[in-house]
Amino acid sequence: MRTIGFGTAGWDETYPGVWRQTASAQRMTLTLYRFDPGAAFPMHRHDQEQLAFVLRGSVEFQNTRARMTCRANELIFIPPNELHSATAGPEGAEVVSVVSPARRGTDDYTVEGRG
């Protein structure tokens, strides 16, 4: 066992207004995201399955078929290789995301249009 203190880790601005702290274990990666109001994580895909739990605010998740808004205390499952995006509502958001298997690096995903 080991503990990881997110409070001591720095925040990485992944996209404008989208901040993250990440910790990985052998088989999964947990990321805490903070979205400024209206900030967006662009359309992308990754080979991991993902669970995203909204702690605060709201996030509109979009795939190629639908849009779904998740609010605080709601969870969304995103299958592996599904193209999707996330955009915070007007109050911003905090989201805990878990992917499995673990990410191989911080940018272990493909953004649409960037191959």
Protein backbone atom coordinates (compact mmCIF):
# COMPACT_ATOMS: atom_id res chain seq x y z
CA MET A 1 0.00 0.00 0.00
CA ARG A 2 1.00 3.60 -0.49
CA THR A 3 -0.62 7.00 -0.16
CA ILE A 4 -0.52 9.81 -2.70
CA GLY A 5 -1.28 13.38 -1.64
CA PHE A 6 -2.98 15.34 -4.40
CA GLY A 7 -2.81 18.48 -2.26
CA THR A 8 0.98 18.54 -2.64
CA ALA A 9 1.05 17.84 -6.38
CA GLY A 10 1.02 20.66 -8.89
CA TRP A 11 -1.80 21.22 -11.37
CA ASP A 12 -1.14 20.72 -15.07
CA GLU A 13 -3.22 22.84 -17.50
CA THR A 14 -4.10 20.24 -20.12
CA TYR A 15 -6.23 22.57 -22.28
CA PRO A 16 -7.20 26.20 -21.63
CA GLY A 17 -9.17 26.18 -18.37
CA VAL A 18 -8.87 22.39 -17.89
CA TRP A 19 -6.54 21.48 -15.03
CA ARG A 20 -5.50 18.01 -13.84
CA GLN A 21 -3.62 16.03 -11.20
CA THR A 22 -2.89 12.39 -11.98
CA ALA A 23 -1.85 9.28 -10.07
CA SER A 24 -1.29 5.83 -11.56
CA ALA A 25 -1.21 2.35 -10.12
CA GLN A 26 -0.21 -0.80 -11.96
CA ARG A 27 -3.59 -1.31 -13.68
CA MET A 28 -5.44 2.02 -13.46
CA THR A 29 -4.99 5.77 -13.57
CA LEU A 30 -6.98 8.26 -11.51
CA THR A 31 -7.15 11.89 -12.59
CA LEU A 32 -8.74 14.81 -10.77
CA TYR A 33 -9.89 17.45 -13.27
CA ARG A 34 -10.91 21.04 -12.55
CA PHE A 35 -12.75 22.80 -15.36
CA ASP A 36 -13.19 26.56 -15.49
CA PRO A 37 -16.71 27.61 -16.57
CA GLY A 38 -17.25 26.56 -20.20
CA ALA A 39 -13.77 25.00 -20.54
CA ALA A 40 -13.54 21.96 -22.82
CA PHE A 41 -11.51 18.78 -23.28
CA PRO A 42 -11.70 18.23 -27.07
CA MET A 43 -12.97 15.19 -28.96
CA HIS A 44 -10.52 12.36 -28.35
CA ARG A 45 -10.28 8.61 -27.91
CA HIS A 46 -8.14 6.20 -25.89
CA ASP A 47 -7.89 2.45 -25.59
CA GLN A 48 -8.82 2.47 -21.88
CA GLU A 49 -12.34 2.23 -20.50
CA GLN A 50 -13.22 5.27 -18.39
CA LEU A 51 -15.45 6.12 -15.45
CA ALA A 52 -15.94 9.85 -14.81
CA PHE A 53 -17.61 11.01 -11.58
CA VAL A 54 -18.69 14.66 -11.31
CA LEU A 55 -17.90 16.00 -7.84
CA ARG A 56 -19.03 19.59 -8.38
CA GLY A 57 -20.75 21.54 -11.15
CA SER A 58 -21.80 19.94 -14.43
CA VAL A 59 -20.16 18.55 -17.55
CA GLU A 60 -21.65 17.89 -20.96
CA PHE A 61 -20.15 14.72 -22.41
CA GLN A 62 -20.55 14.19 -26.15
CA ASN A 63 -19.82 11.24 -28.41
CA THR A 64 -20.66 10.76 -32.11
CA ARG A 65 -24.29 9.85 -31.32
CA ALA A 66 -25.42 11.83 -28.28
CA ARG A 67 -24.84 14.54 -25.68
CA MET A 68 -25.32 13.86 -21.98
CA THR A 69 -25.04 16.29 -19.08
CA CYS A 70 -23.75 14.91 -15.80
CA ARG A 71 -24.17 16.88 -12.60
CA ALA A 72 -22.62 16.53 -9.15
CA ASN A 73 -22.84 12.96 -7.83
CA GLU A 74 -23.45 11.48 -11.29
CA LEU A 75 -21.19 9.04 -13.10
CA ILE A 76 -20.65 8.26 -16.78
CA PHE A 77 -19.04 5.19 -18.35
CA ILE A 78 -17.11 5.66 -21.60
CA PRO A 79 -16.13 2.45 -23.46
CA PRO A 80 -12.62 1.98 -24.89
CA ASN A 81 -11.91 3.72 -28.22
CA GLU A 82 -15.13 5.78 -28.14
CA LEU A 83 -14.67 9.28 -29.53
CA HIS A 84 -15.85 11.74 -26.85
CA SER A 85 -15.44 15.24 -25.40
CA ALA A 86 -16.24 17.03 -22.14
CA THR A 87 -17.36 20.65 -21.67
CA ALA A 88 -17.99 22.24 -18.28
CA GLY A 89 -21.22 24.03 -17.50
CA PRO A 90 -21.45 27.71 -16.52
CA GLU A 91 -20.33 27.03 -12.94
CA GLY A 92 -17.28 24.96 -13.93
CA ALA A 93 -16.72 21.44 -12.62
CA GLU A 94 -14.55 19.02 -10.69
CA VAL A 95 -14.40 15.46 -12.04
CA VAL A 96 -12.68 12.30 -10.86
CA SER A 97 -11.76 10.09 -13.82
CA VAL A 98 -10.51 6.52 -13.59
CA VAL A 99 -9.19 4.70 -16.66
CA SER A 100 -8.12 1.08 -16.96
CA PRO A 101 -5.67 -0.21 -17.96
CA ALA A 102 -3.32 2.47 -16.63
CA ARG A 103 -2.21 5.23 -18.97
CA ARG A 104 1.25 4.80 -20.48
CA GLY A 105 1.86 8.56 -20.27
CA THR A 106 0.08 11.86 -19.63
CA ASP A 107 -1.02 12.19 -23.25
CA ASP A 108 -2.04 8.57 -23.85
CA TYR A 109 -5.00 9.51 -26.08
CA THR A 110 -5.60 10.74 -29.63
CA VAL A 111 -7.30 14.09 -30.24
CA GLU A 112 -9.63 14.17 -33.27
CA GLY A 113 -7.90 15.85 -36.18
CA ARG A 114 -4.41 15.38 -34.73
CA GLY A 115 -4.01 11.66 -35.54
